Amino acid sequence: MTISSQPFGHGLDPDTEPAQGTPGRKLGESSPSDRNKPPHPFRRDLTQGRLLIDSGLTILALTLTFLALVPLVSVLALVLTRGGSMLSLELFTDLPPAAGMPGGGLGNALLGTLILVTIASALAVPIGLMAGIYLAEVASPESSIATVVSFAAKVLSGLPSILAGVFAFAVVVLTTGSFSAWAGGVALAILMIPVITLTTAEALRAVPRKLREAAVGMGATRTQTILQVVLPTASSGIFTGIMLAVSRAAGETAPLLFTALFFDYWPEAPFITPIASLAVLIYNFSGVPYPSQIDIAWAASLILVVAALTANIAVRVVAAQAPSTQTRR
């Protein structure tokens, strides 16, 4: 058998040199003549289609964003227009007018709202803080008690506010025999506790583990670590939760209809007698045919809107100034 001495080339002329890339151009790079060629029609149509889809989605997103802002801007403009014209010193110092009488103010409702929020905060903040600390720092992840507390807080956070009012009515009003600020504060506290609990737990979990380990390494006890290291570090997140809970409680109406009701005069004995509030004043005065009382309802709406905006701005300022924390590993 004769074995050919011709090198492997599968029929190529041995005198022919293998193809080399053009000097100065990488292998696989298109030549200038290729770049000057018009794009393939299919590729051009595909690019144009993507651009059209991208433009259409951008326009759709902007349109939906505008539509979402229309109700908010409309409400703010209407409240500022109708309520701003009523702002005066008498509005904050006078009592509501009698039916059909001009003038008057909402001083008793403003004071009553402050009393109700103070009572609710005094009840909800300690309970919410302790529950949040228990979930994040004390209980183990496998604890059945922690699971029940966390589940209950999540369920209560979505509880209709009127149910909190019915509960406070059955427990407090029927027991004491009278509508009162105490009953209203209990109803509002029920709505505030889950918000404070969940936000406190999340804020504490966001504190880096190395801070706890450093405190323990320096000889601090578990209680000292929580009180002197973890809580100060998570203070901005905790404050955010408290402000959100207070903002929600100040604007609630349904629970107060079952508990605090309304009182046309200055609070005399808030813990045993009904008390006025801005939310219930808006509810009562918005349905009457008297222009003076309707104007006061608009002014009360403006006060609540400004209070809510102020609370949200305060939360953002505190969050921006607080030192950032890393997620616990």
C-alpha atoms as a PDB file:
ATOM      1  CA  MET A   1       0.000   0.000   0.000  1.00  0.00           C
ATOM      2  CA  THR A   2       1.338   3.399  -0.957  1.00  0.00           C
ATOM      3  CA  ILE A   3       0.966   6.097   1.681  1.00  0.00           C
ATOM      4  CA  SER A   4       0.842   9.617   0.351  1.00  0.00           C
ATOM      5  CA  SER A   5       3.353  11.990   1.788  1.00  0.00           C
ATOM      6  CA  GLN A   6       1.099  14.925   1.012  1.00  0.00           C
ATOM      7  CA  PRO A   7       0.200  16.909   4.159  1.00  0.00           C
ATOM      8  CA  PHE A   8      -3.331  16.925   5.449  1.00  0.00           C
ATOM      9  CA  GLY A   9      -5.318  19.333   3.387  1.00  0.00           C
ATOM     10  CA  HIS A  10      -8.063  17.273   1.828  1.00  0.00           C
ATOM     11  CA  GLY A  11      -7.192  18.044  -1.746  1.00  0.00           C
ATOM     12  CA  LEU A  12      -5.669  21.463  -1.286  1.00  0.00           C
ATOM     13  CA  ASP A  13      -2.685  22.390  -3.347  1.00  0.00           C
ATOM     14  CA  PRO A  14       0.361  22.099  -1.115  1.00  0.00           C
ATOM     15  CA  ASP A  15       1.752  25.210  -2.691  1.00  0.00           C
ATOM     16  CA  THR A  16      -1.323  27.161  -1.611  1.00  0.00           C
ATOM     17  CA  GLU A  17      -0.967  29.033   1.703  1.00  0.00           C
ATOM     18  CA  PRO A  18      -3.817  28.816   4.153  1.00  0.00           C
ATOM     19  CA  ALA A  19      -6.186  31.764   4.235  1.00  0.00           C
ATOM     20  CA  GLN A  20      -5.083  34.498   6.591  1.00  0.00           C
ATOM     21  CA  GLY A  21      -7.004  37.434   7.963  1.00  0.00           C
ATOM     22  CA  THR A  22      -6.503  40.776   6.354  1.00  0.00           C
ATOM     23  CA  PRO A  23      -3.520  42.541   7.960  1.00  0.00           C
ATOM     24  CA  GLY A  24      -4.676  45.082  10.564  1.00  0.00           C
ATOM     25  CA  ARG A  25      -8.126  43.471  10.950  1.00  0.00           C
ATOM     26  CA  LYS A  26      -9.172  40.855  13.462  1.00  0.00           C
ATOM     27  CA  LEU A  27     -10.500  37.560  12.324  1.00  0.00           C
ATOM     28  CA  GLY A  28     -14.290  37.744  12.083  1.00  0.00           C
ATOM     29  CA  GLU A  29     -14.385  41.543  11.850  1.00  0.00           C
ATOM     30  CA  SER A  30     -16.431  42.909   8.964  1.00  0.00           C
ATOM     31  CA  SER A  31     -14.583  44.638   6.213  1.00  0.00           C
ATOM     32  CA  PRO A  32     -15.292  48.239   5.188  1.00  0.00           C
ATOM     33  CA  SER A  33     -17.146  46.974   2.164  1.00  0.00           C
ATOM     34  CA  ASP A  34     -19.389  44.858   4.401  1.00  0.00           C
ATOM     35  CA  ARG A  35     -20.151  47.792   6.659  1.00  0.00           C
ATOM     36  CA  ASN A  36     -21.257  49.875   3.716  1.00  0.00           C
ATOM     37  CA  LYS A  37     -23.807  47.299   2.709  1.00  0.00           C
ATOM     38  CA  PRO A  38     -27.440  48.162   3.558  1.00  0.00           C
ATOM     39  CA  PRO A  39     -28.886  46.199   6.517  1.00  0.00           C
ATOM     40  CA  HIS A  40     -30.925  43.168   5.860  1.00  0.00           C
ATOM     41  CA  PRO A  41     -34.649  44.074   5.437  1.00  0.00           C
ATOM     42  CA  PHE A  42     -35.684  41.660   8.180  1.00  0.00           C
ATOM     43  CA  ARG A  43     -33.162  43.123  10.627  1.00  0.00           C
ATOM     44  CA  ARG A  44     -34.264  46.667   9.771  1.00  0.00           C
ATOM     45  CA  ASP A  45     -37.934  45.810  10.336  1.00  0.00           C
ATOM     46  CA  LEU A  46     -37.096  44.118  13.647  1.00  0.00           C
ATOM     47  CA  THR A  47     -35.192  47.172  14.904  1.00  0.00           C
ATOM     48  CA  GLN A  48     -38.002  49.521  13.911  1.00  0.00           C
ATOM     49  CA  GLY A  49     -40.531  47.275  15.631  1.00  0.00           C
ATOM     50  CA  ARG A  50     -38.558  47.325  18.862  1.00  0.00           C
ATOM     51  CA  LEU A  51     -38.302  51.100  18.734  1.00  0.00           C
ATOM     52  CA  LEU A  52     -42.047  51.401  18.188  1.00  0.00           C
ATOM     53  CA  ILE A  53     -42.794  49.073  21.096  1.00  0.00           C
ATOM     54  CA  ASP A  54     -40.366  50.944  23.355  1.00  0.00           C
ATOM     55  CA  SER A  55     -41.892  54.303  22.434  1.00  0.00           C
ATOM     56  CA  GLY A  56     -45.409  52.977  22.912  1.00  0.00           C
ATOM     57  CA  LEU A  57     -44.651  51.556  26.360  1.00  0.00           C
ATOM     58  CA  THR A  58     -42.961  54.807  27.394  1.00  0.00           C
ATOM     59  CA  ILE A  59     -45.989  56.836  26.326  1.00  0.00           C
ATOM     60  CA  LEU A  60     -48.309  54.381  28.098  1.00  0.00           C
ATOM     61  CA  ALA A  61     -46.291  54.596  31.333  1.00  0.00           C
ATOM     62  CA  LEU A  62     -46.296  58.398  31.253  1.00  0.00           C
ATOM     63  CA  THR A  63     -50.036  58.449  30.567  1.00  0.00           C
ATOM     64  CA  LEU A  64     -50.821  56.088  33.441  1.00  0.00           C
ATOM     65  CA  THR A  65     -48.568  58.091  35.760  1.00  0.00           C
ATOM     66  CA  PHE A  66     -50.409  61.265  34.813  1.00  0.00           C
ATOM     67  CA  LEU A  67     -53.788  59.598  35.363  1.00  0.00           C
ATOM     68  CA  ALA A  68     -52.640  58.394  38.786  1.00  0.00           C
ATOM     69  CA  LEU A  69     -51.620  61.921  39.774  1.00  0.00           C
ATOM     70  CA  VAL A  70     -54.844  63.552  38.568  1.00  0.00           C
ATOM     71  CA  PRO A  71     -56.998  62.477  41.565  1.00  0.00           C
ATOM     72  CA  LEU A  72     -54.315  63.462  44.086  1.00  0.00           C
ATOM     73  CA  VAL A  73     -53.694  66.854  42.507  1.00  0.00           C
ATOM     74  CA  SER A  74     -57.437  67.458  42.139  1.00  0.00           C
ATOM     75  CA  VAL A  75     -58.114  66.668  45.796  1.00  0.00           C
ATOM     76  CA  LEU A  76     -55.232  68.845  46.977  1.00  0.00           C
ATOM     77  CA  ALA A  77     -56.307  71.736  44.762  1.00  0.00           C
ATOM     78  CA  LEU A  78     -59.931  71.499  45.897  1.00  0.00           C
ATOM     79  CA  VAL A  79     -59.029  71.254  49.586  1.00  0.00           C
ATOM     80  CA  LEU A  80     -56.591  74.157  49.337  1.00  0.00           C
ATOM     81  CA  THR A  81     -59.109  76.292  47.468  1.00  0.00           C
ATOM     82  CA  ARG A  82     -62.115  75.619  49.694  1.00  0.00           C
ATOM     83  CA  GLY A  83     -60.355  75.180  53.018  1.00  0.00           C
ATOM     84  CA  GLY A  84     -57.660  77.814  52.591  1.00  0.00           C
ATOM     85  CA  SER A  85     -60.216  80.607  52.421  1.00  0.00           C
ATOM     86  CA  MET A  86     -61.419  79.692  55.931  1.00  0.00           C
ATOM     87  CA  LEU A  87     -58.047  79.910  57.670  1.00  0.00           C
ATOM     88  CA  SER A  88     -58.110  82.444  60.501  1.00  0.00           C
ATOM     89  CA  LEU A  89     -57.383  82.665  64.199  1.00  0.00           C
ATOM     90  CA  GLU A  90     -61.063  82.210  65.032  1.00  0.00           C
ATOM     91  CA  LEU A  91     -61.087  78.908  63.164  1.00  0.00           C
ATOM     92  CA  PHE A  92     -58.696  77.413  65.722  1.00  0.00           C
ATOM     93  CA  THR A  93     -60.161  79.038  68.838  1.00  0.00           C
ATOM     94  CA  ASP A  94     -63.950  79.111  68.387  1.00  0.00           C
ATOM     95  CA  LEU A  95     -66.549  76.394  68.764  1.00  0.00           C
ATOM     96  CA  PRO A  96     -68.552  75.102  65.774  1.00  0.00           C
ATOM     97  CA  PRO A  97     -71.522  77.309  64.880  1.00  0.00           C
ATOM     98  CA  ALA A  98     -75.103  76.363  65.508  1.00  0.00           C
ATOM     99  CA  ALA A  99     -77.137  75.121  62.575  1.00  0.00           C
ATOM    100  CA  GLY A 100     -77.516  77.878  60.008  1.00  0.00           C
ATOM    101  CA  MET A 101     -75.408  80.414  61.918  1.00  0.00           C
ATOM    102  CA  PRO A 102     -72.353  82.021  60.291  1.00  0.00           C
ATOM    103  CA  GLY A 103     -68.823  82.047  61.686  1.00  0.00           C
ATOM    104  CA  GLY A 104     -67.539  79.611  64.230  1.00  0.00           C
ATOM    105  CA  GLY A 105     -64.510  77.361  64.262  1.00  0.00           C
ATOM    106  CA  LEU A 106     -63.265  73.900  65.090  1.00  0.00           C
ATOM    107  CA  GLY A 107     -61.167  74.468  68.186  1.00  0.00           C
ATOM    108  CA  ASN A 108     -62.866  71.728  70.197  1.00  0.00           C
ATOM    109  CA  ALA A 109     -62.447  69.194  67.381  1.00  0.00           C
ATOM    110  CA  LEU A 110     -58.764  70.060  66.990  1.00  0.00           C
ATOM    111  CA  LEU A 111     -58.162  69.677  70.733  1.00  0.00           C
ATOM    112  CA  GLY A 112     -60.190  66.475  70.809  1.00  0.00           C
ATOM    113  CA  THR A 113     -58.128  64.977  67.983  1.00  0.00           C
ATOM    114  CA  LEU A 114     -54.922  65.744  69.873  1.00  0.00           C
ATOM    115  CA  ILE A 115     -56.328  64.105  73.016  1.00  0.00           C
ATOM    116  CA  LEU A 116     -57.450  61.003  71.121  1.00  0.00           C
ATOM    117  CA  VAL A 117     -54.121  60.599  69.329  1.00  0.00           C
ATOM    118  CA  THR A 118     -52.237  61.109  72.603  1.00  0.00           C
ATOM    119  CA  ILE A 119     -54.258  58.419  74.379  1.00  0.00           C
ATOM    120  CA  ALA A 120     -53.888  56.030  71.450  1.00  0.00           C
ATOM    121  CA  SER A 121     -50.134  56.650  71.217  1.00  0.00           C
ATOM    122  CA  ALA A 122     -49.682  56.149  74.964  1.00  0.00           C
ATOM    123  CA  LEU A 123     -51.330  52.743  74.612  1.00  0.00           C
ATOM    124  CA  ALA A 124     -49.975  51.619  71.239  1.00  0.00           C
ATOM    125  CA  VAL A 125     -46.343  52.766  71.236  1.00  0.00           C
ATOM    126  CA  PRO A 126     -45.141  50.749  74.272  1.00  0.00           C
ATOM    127  CA  ILE A 127     -47.056  47.642  73.198  1.00  0.00           C
ATOM    128  CA  GLY A 128     -45.898  47.917  69.583  1.00  0.00           C
ATOM    129  CA  LEU A 129     -42.279  48.519  70.565  1.00  0.00           C
ATOM    130  CA  MET A 130     -42.200  45.583  72.977  1.00  0.00           C
ATOM    131  CA  ALA A 131     -43.832  43.276  70.432  1.00  0.00           C
ATOM    132  CA  GLY A 132     -41.394  44.361  67.720  1.00  0.00           C
ATOM    133  CA  ILE A 133     -38.397  43.857  70.022  1.00  0.00           C
ATOM    134  CA  TYR A 134     -39.683  40.420  70.975  1.00  0.00           C
ATOM    135  CA  LEU A 135     -40.076  39.356  67.340  1.00  0.00           C
ATOM    136  CA  ALA A 136     -36.685  40.650  66.194  1.00  0.00           C
ATOM    137  CA  GLU A 137     -34.414  40.218  69.222  1.00  0.00           C
ATOM    138  CA  VAL A 138     -35.840  37.796  71.758  1.00  0.00           C
ATOM    139  CA  ALA A 139     -37.855  35.067  70.061  1.00  0.00           C
ATOM    140  CA  SER A 140     -36.193  32.414  67.945  1.00  0.00           C
ATOM    141  CA  PRO A 141     -37.378  31.998  64.337  1.00  0.00           C
ATOM    142  CA  GLU A 142     -38.843  28.591  65.221  1.00  0.00           C
ATOM    143  CA  SER A 143     -40.829  29.912  68.201  1.00  0.00           C
ATOM    144  CA  SER A 144     -44.543  29.208  67.929  1.00  0.00           C
ATOM    145  CA  ILE A 145     -45.342  32.281  70.020  1.00  0.00           C
ATOM    146  CA  ALA A 146     -43.384  34.512  67.635  1.00  0.00           C
ATOM    147  CA  THR A 147     -45.218  32.952  64.696  1.00  0.00           C
ATOM    148  CA  VAL A 148     -48.583  33.675  66.305  1.00  0.00           C
ATOM    149  CA  VAL A 149     -47.620  37.262  67.211  1.00  0.00           C
ATOM    150  CA  SER A 150     -46.304  37.977  63.714  1.00  0.00           C
ATOM    151  CA  PHE A 151     -49.378  36.460  62.078  1.00  0.00           C
ATOM    152  CA  ALA A 152     -51.721  38.404  64.364  1.00  0.00           C
ATOM    153  CA  ALA A 153     -49.919  41.679  63.625  1.00  0.00           C
ATOM    154  CA  LYS A 154     -50.178  41.109  59.878  1.00  0.00           C
ATOM    155  CA  VAL A 155     -53.877  40.268  60.142  1.00  0.00           C
ATOM    156  CA  LEU A 156     -54.618  43.288  62.342  1.00  0.00           C
ATOM    157  CA  SER A 157     -52.751  45.601  59.961  1.00  0.00           C
ATOM    158  CA  GLY A 158     -55.415  44.873  57.353  1.00  0.00           C
ATOM    159  CA  LEU A 159     -58.334  44.928  59.779  1.00  0.00           C
ATOM    160  CA  PRO A 160     -61.206  47.236  58.724  1.00  0.00           C
ATOM    161  CA  SER A 161     -61.201  50.192  61.065  1.00  0.00           C
ATOM    162  CA  ILE A 162     -64.908  49.883  61.794  1.00  0.00           C
ATOM    163  CA  LEU A 163     -64.284  46.494  63.431  1.00  0.00           C
ATOM    164  CA  ALA A 164     -61.848  48.122  65.835  1.00  0.00           C
ATOM    165  CA  GLY A 165     -64.596  50.598  66.707  1.00  0.00           C
ATOM    166  CA  VAL A 166     -67.126  47.819  67.276  1.00  0.00           C
ATOM    167  CA  PHE A 167     -64.663  45.981  69.533  1.00  0.00           C
ATOM    168  CA  ALA A 168     -63.937  49.108  71.592  1.00  0.00           C
ATOM    169  CA  PHE A 169     -67.666  49.810  71.811  1.00  0.00           C
ATOM    170  CA  ALA A 170     -68.348  46.345  73.205  1.00  0.00           C
ATOM    171  CA  VAL A 171     -65.407  46.337  75.611  1.00  0.00           C
ATOM    172  CA  VAL A 172     -65.196  49.968  76.773  1.00  0.00           C
ATOM    173  CA  VAL A 173     -68.409  51.844  75.968  1.00  0.00           C
ATOM    174  CA  LEU A 174     -70.785  49.152  77.182  1.00  0.00           C
ATOM    175  CA  THR A 175     -68.647  48.611  80.275  1.00  0.00           C
ATOM    176  CA  THR A 176     -68.399  52.271  81.268  1.00  0.00           C
ATOM    177  CA  GLY A 177     -71.852  53.172  79.979  1.00  0.00           C
ATOM    178  CA  SER A 178     -70.660  56.248  78.057  1.00  0.00           C
ATOM    179  CA  PHE A 179     -68.929  57.325  74.874  1.00  0.00           C
ATOM    180  CA  SER A 180     -65.564  58.850  75.717  1.00  0.00           C
ATOM    181  CA  ALA A 181     -62.091  59.774  74.537  1.00  0.00           C
ATOM    182  CA  TRP A 182     -60.805  56.731  76.403  1.00  0.00           C
ATOM    183  CA  ALA A 183     -62.928  54.426  74.236  1.00  0.00           C
ATOM    184  CA  GLY A 184     -61.840  56.278  71.099  1.00  0.00           C
ATOM    185  CA  GLY A 185     -58.193  56.024  72.114  1.00  0.00           C
ATOM    186  CA  VAL A 186     -58.521  52.268  72.623  1.00  0.00           C
ATOM    187  CA  ALA A 187     -60.057  51.862  69.162  1.00  0.00           C
ATOM    188  CA  LEU A 188     -57.295  53.899  67.521  1.00  0.00           C
ATOM    189  CA  ALA A 189     -54.614  52.054  69.488  1.00  0.00           C
ATOM    190  CA  ILE A 190     -55.853  48.752  68.050  1.00  0.00           C
ATOM    191  CA  LEU A 191     -55.157  50.146  64.574  1.00  0.00           C
ATOM    192  CA  MET A 192     -51.757  51.557  65.530  1.00  0.00           C
ATOM    193  CA  ILE A 193     -50.270  48.547  67.324  1.00  0.00           C
ATOM    194  CA  PRO A 194     -49.743  46.270  64.282  1.00  0.00           C
ATOM    195  CA  VAL A 195     -48.151  49.070  62.247  1.00  0.00           C
ATOM    196  CA  ILE A 196     -45.680  49.905  65.016  1.00  0.00           C
ATOM    197  CA  THR A 197     -44.976  46.228  65.707  1.00  0.00           C
ATOM    198  CA  LEU A 198     -44.129  45.290  62.130  1.00  0.00           C
ATOM    199  CA  THR A 199     -42.078  48.403  61.346  1.00  0.00           C
ATOM    200  CA  THR A 200     -40.144  48.076  64.614  1.00  0.00           C
ATOM    201  CA  ALA A 201     -39.320  44.445  63.916  1.00  0.00           C
ATOM    202  CA  GLU A 202     -38.135  45.248  60.385  1.00  0.00           C
ATOM    203  CA  ALA A 203     -36.035  48.173  61.598  1.00  0.00           C
ATOM    204  CA  LEU A 204     -34.355  46.014  64.239  1.00  0.00           C
ATOM    205  CA  ARG A 205     -33.660  43.209  61.766  1.00  0.00           C
ATOM    206  CA  ALA A 206     -31.908  45.718  59.502  1.00  0.00           C
ATOM    207  CA  VAL A 207     -29.278  46.462  62.159  1.00  0.00           C
ATOM    208  CA  PRO A 208     -26.018  44.683  61.224  1.00  0.00           C
ATOM    209  CA  ARG A 209     -25.201  41.602  63.274  1.00  0.00           C
ATOM    210  CA  LYS A 210     -21.620  42.778  63.770  1.00  0.00           C
ATOM    211  CA  LEU A 211     -22.850  45.595  66.042  1.00  0.00           C
ATOM    212  CA  ARG A 212     -24.470  43.069  68.340  1.00  0.00           C
ATOM    213  CA  GLU A 213     -21.379  40.873  68.310  1.00  0.00           C
ATOM    214  CA  ALA A 214     -19.138  43.847  69.078  1.00  0.00           C
ATOM    215  CA  ALA A 215     -21.311  44.852  72.044  1.00  0.00           C
ATOM    216  CA  VAL A 216     -21.342  41.310  73.413  1.00  0.00           C
ATOM    217  CA  GLY A 217     -17.583  41.075  72.901  1.00  0.00           C
ATOM    218  CA  MET A 218     -17.122  44.157  75.066  1.00  0.00           C
ATOM    219  CA  GLY A 219     -19.046  42.528  77.901  1.00  0.00           C
ATOM    220  CA  ALA A 220     -22.518  44.007  77.359  1.00  0.00           C
ATOM    221  CA  THR A 221     -25.489  41.934  78.396  1.00  0.00           C
ATOM    222  CA  ARG A 222     -28.302  41.124  76.015  1.00  0.00           C
ATOM    223  CA  THR A 223     -30.518  43.813  77.511  1.00  0.00           C
ATOM    224  CA  GLN A 224     -27.749  46.416  77.316  1.00  0.00           C
ATOM    225  CA  THR A 225     -27.075  45.476  73.701  1.00  0.00           C
ATOM    226  CA  ILE A 226     -30.718  45.937  72.759  1.00  0.00           C
ATOM    227  CA  LEU A 227     -31.265  49.181  74.674  1.00  0.00           C
ATOM    228  CA  GLN A 228     -27.927  50.904  74.043  1.00  0.00           C
ATOM    229  CA  VAL A 229     -26.877  49.593  70.616  1.00  0.00           C
ATOM    230  CA  VAL A 230     -29.707  48.096  68.587  1.00  0.00           C
ATOM    231  CA  LEU A 231     -32.540  50.501  69.431  1.00  0.00           C
ATOM    232  CA  PRO A 232     -30.528  53.719  68.835  1.00  0.00           C
ATOM    233  CA  THR A 233     -29.297  52.349  65.507  1.00  0.00           C
ATOM    234  CA  ALA A 234     -32.844  51.479  64.403  1.00  0.00           C
ATOM    235  CA  SER A 235     -34.418  54.652  65.808  1.00  0.00           C
ATOM    236  CA  SER A 236     -35.139  56.191  62.398  1.00  0.00           C
ATOM    237  CA  GLY A 237     -37.077  53.146  61.222  1.00  0.00           C
ATOM    238  CA  ILE A 238     -38.975  52.952  64.498  1.00  0.00           C
ATOM    239  CA  PHE A 239     -39.850  56.649  64.297  1.00  0.00           C
ATOM    240  CA  THR A 240     -41.100  56.102  60.759  1.00  0.00           C
ATOM    241  CA  GLY A 241     -43.494  53.409  61.914  1.00  0.00           C
ATOM    242  CA  ILE A 242     -44.793  55.511  64.795  1.00  0.00           C
ATOM    243  CA  MET A 243     -45.436  58.514  62.552  1.00  0.00           C
ATOM    244  CA  LEU A 244     -47.242  56.389  59.981  1.00  0.00           C
ATOM    245  CA  ALA A 245     -49.427  54.911  62.711  1.00  0.00           C
ATOM    246  CA  VAL A 246     -50.221  58.337  64.175  1.00  0.00           C
ATOM    247  CA  SER A 247     -51.027  59.716  60.724  1.00  0.00           C
ATOM    248  CA  ARG A 248     -53.452  56.868  60.122  1.00  0.00           C
ATOM    249  CA  ALA A 249     -55.118  57.219  63.514  1.00  0.00           C
ATOM    250  CA  ALA A 250     -55.649  60.975  63.166  1.00  0.00           C
ATOM    251  CA  GLY A 251     -57.751  60.528  60.035  1.00  0.00           C
ATOM    252  CA  GLU A 252     -59.938  57.617  61.148  1.00  0.00           C
ATOM    253  CA  THR A 253     -63.668  58.239  61.380  1.00  0.00           C
ATOM    254  CA  ALA A 254     -65.503  54.922  61.656  1.00  0.00           C
ATOM    255  CA  PRO A 255     -63.985  53.795  64.990  1.00  0.00           C
ATOM    256  CA  LEU A 256     -64.789  57.142  66.605  1.00  0.00           C
ATOM    257  CA  LEU A 257     -68.452  56.985  65.592  1.00  0.00           C
ATOM    258  CA  PHE A 258     -68.795  53.936  67.860  1.00  0.00           C
ATOM    259  CA  THR A 259     -66.602  55.178  70.704  1.00  0.00           C
ATOM    260  CA  ALA A 260     -65.957  58.920  71.064  1.00  0.00           C
ATOM    261  CA  LEU A 261     -69.010  60.128  69.110  1.00  0.00           C
ATOM    262  CA  PHE A 262     -69.033  63.972  69.041  1.00  0.00           C
ATOM    263  CA  PHE A 263     -69.368  66.868  71.457  1.00  0.00           C
ATOM    264  CA  ASP A 264     -70.262  70.422  70.431  1.00  0.00           C
ATOM    265  CA  TYR A 265     -68.361  72.059  73.283  1.00  0.00           C
ATOM    266  CA  TRP A 266     -64.902  72.004  74.815  1.00  0.00           C
ATOM    267  CA  PRO A 267     -63.869  68.708  76.448  1.00  0.00           C
ATOM    268  CA  GLU A 268     -64.892  68.655  80.097  1.00  0.00           C
ATOM    269  CA  ALA A 269     -64.187  65.099  81.250  1.00  0.00           C
ATOM    270  CA  PRO A 270     -62.670  63.319  78.234  1.00  0.00           C
ATOM    271  CA  PHE A 271     -62.406  59.943  79.932  1.00  0.00           C
ATOM    272  CA  ILE A 272     -66.109  59.713  80.758  1.00  0.00           C
ATOM    273  CA  THR A 273     -67.864  61.975  78.220  1.00  0.00           C
ATOM    274  CA  PRO A 274     -67.989  62.169  74.398  1.00  0.00           C
ATOM    275  CA  ILE A 275     -65.366  64.268  72.650  1.00  0.00           C
ATOM    276  CA  ALA A 276     -65.153  66.022  69.282  1.00  0.00           C
ATOM    277  CA  SER A 277     -62.637  65.170  66.558  1.00  0.00           C
ATOM    278  CA  LEU A 278     -61.758  66.544  63.140  1.00  0.00           C
ATOM    279  CA  ALA A 279     -62.680  63.355  61.301  1.00  0.00           C
ATOM    280  CA  VAL A 280     -66.155  63.118  62.839  1.00  0.00           C
ATOM    281  CA  LEU A 281     -66.662  66.877  62.360  1.00  0.00           C
ATOM    282  CA  ILE A 282     -66.026  66.434  58.637  1.00  0.00           C
ATOM    283  CA  TYR A 283     -68.463  63.518  58.580  1.00  0.00           C
ATOM    284  CA  ASN A 284     -71.178  65.486  60.391  1.00  0.00           C
ATOM    285  CA  PHE A 285     -70.809  68.841  58.646  1.00  0.00           C
ATOM    286  CA  SER A 286     -70.307  67.616  55.084  1.00  0.00           C
ATOM    287  CA  GLY A 287     -73.894  66.397  54.836  1.00  0.00           C
ATOM    288  CA  VAL A 288     -75.737  69.452  56.190  1.00  0.00           C
ATOM    289  CA  PRO A 289     -77.299  72.141  53.971  1.00  0.00           C
ATOM    290  CA  TYR A 290     -75.638  75.063  55.802  1.00  0.00           C
ATOM    291  CA  PRO A 291     -72.764  76.803  53.962  1.00  0.00           C
ATOM    292  CA  SER A 292     -70.935  77.875  57.138  1.00  0.00           C
ATOM    293  CA  GLN A 293     -70.670  74.320  58.461  1.00  0.00           C
ATOM    294  CA  ILE A 294     -69.671  72.972  55.051  1.00  0.00           C
ATOM    295  CA  ASP A 295     -66.870  75.555  54.916  1.00  0.00           C
ATOM    296  CA  ILE A 296     -65.648  74.440  58.341  1.00  0.00           C
ATOM    297  CA  ALA A 297     -65.643  70.846  57.097  1.00  0.00           C
ATOM    298  CA  TRP A 298     -63.390  71.932  54.204  1.00  0.00           C
ATOM    299  CA  ALA A 299     -61.079  73.698  56.650  1.00  0.00           C
ATOM    300  CA  ALA A 300     -60.889  70.568  58.813  1.00  0.00           C
ATOM    301  CA  SER A 301     -60.045  68.545  55.699  1.00  0.00           C
ATOM    302  CA  LEU A 302     -57.210  70.939  54.909  1.00  0.00           C
ATOM    303  CA  ILE A 303     -55.817  70.588  58.434  1.00  0.00           C
ATOM    304  CA  LEU A 304     -55.806  66.793  58.192  1.00  0.00           C
ATOM    305  CA  VAL A 305     -54.144  66.880  54.758  1.00  0.00           C
ATOM    306  CA  VAL A 306     -51.450  69.267  55.979  1.00  0.00           C
ATOM    307  CA  ALA A 307     -50.887  67.106  59.068  1.00  0.00           C
ATOM    308  CA  ALA A 308     -50.501  63.975  56.934  1.00  0.00           C
ATOM    309  CA  LEU A 309     -48.091  65.705  54.545  1.00  0.00           C
ATOM    310  CA  THR A 310     -46.079  67.076  57.462  1.00  0.00           C
ATOM    311  CA  ALA A 311     -45.804  63.618  59.007  1.00  0.00           C
ATOM    312  CA  ASN A 312     -44.610  62.099  55.729  1.00  0.00           C
ATOM    313  CA  ILE A 313     -42.065  64.869  55.195  1.00  0.00           C
ATOM    314  CA  ALA A 314     -40.779  64.423  58.747  1.00  0.00           C
ATOM    315  CA  VAL A 315     -40.399  60.691  58.142  1.00  0.00           C
ATOM    316  CA  ARG A 316     -38.394  61.285  54.961  1.00  0.00           C
ATOM    317  CA  VAL A 317     -36.162  63.873  56.634  1.00  0.00           C
ATOM    318  CA  VAL A 318     -35.405  61.565  59.551  1.00  0.00           C
ATOM    319  CA  ALA A 319     -34.762  58.634  57.214  1.00  0.00           C
ATOM    320  CA  ALA A 320     -32.417  60.742  55.071  1.00  0.00           C
ATOM    321  CA  GLN A 321     -30.393  61.962  58.055  1.00  0.00           C
ATOM    322  CA  ALA A 322     -30.156  58.577  59.768  1.00  0.00           C
ATOM    323  CA  PRO A 323     -27.030  56.488  59.142  1.00  0.00           C
ATOM    324  CA  SER A 324     -27.598  53.704  56.664  1.00  0.00           C
ATOM    325  CA  THR A 325     -27.653  50.152  57.965  1.00  0.00           C
ATOM    326  CA  GLN A 326     -26.733  46.997  56.155  1.00  0.00           C
ATOM    327  CA  THR A 327     -28.965  43.994  56.068  1.00  0.00           C
ATOM    328  CA  ARG A 328     -28.174  41.558  58.837  1.00  0.00           C
ATOM    329  CA  ARG A 329     -26.271  38.509  57.633  1.00  0.00           C
END
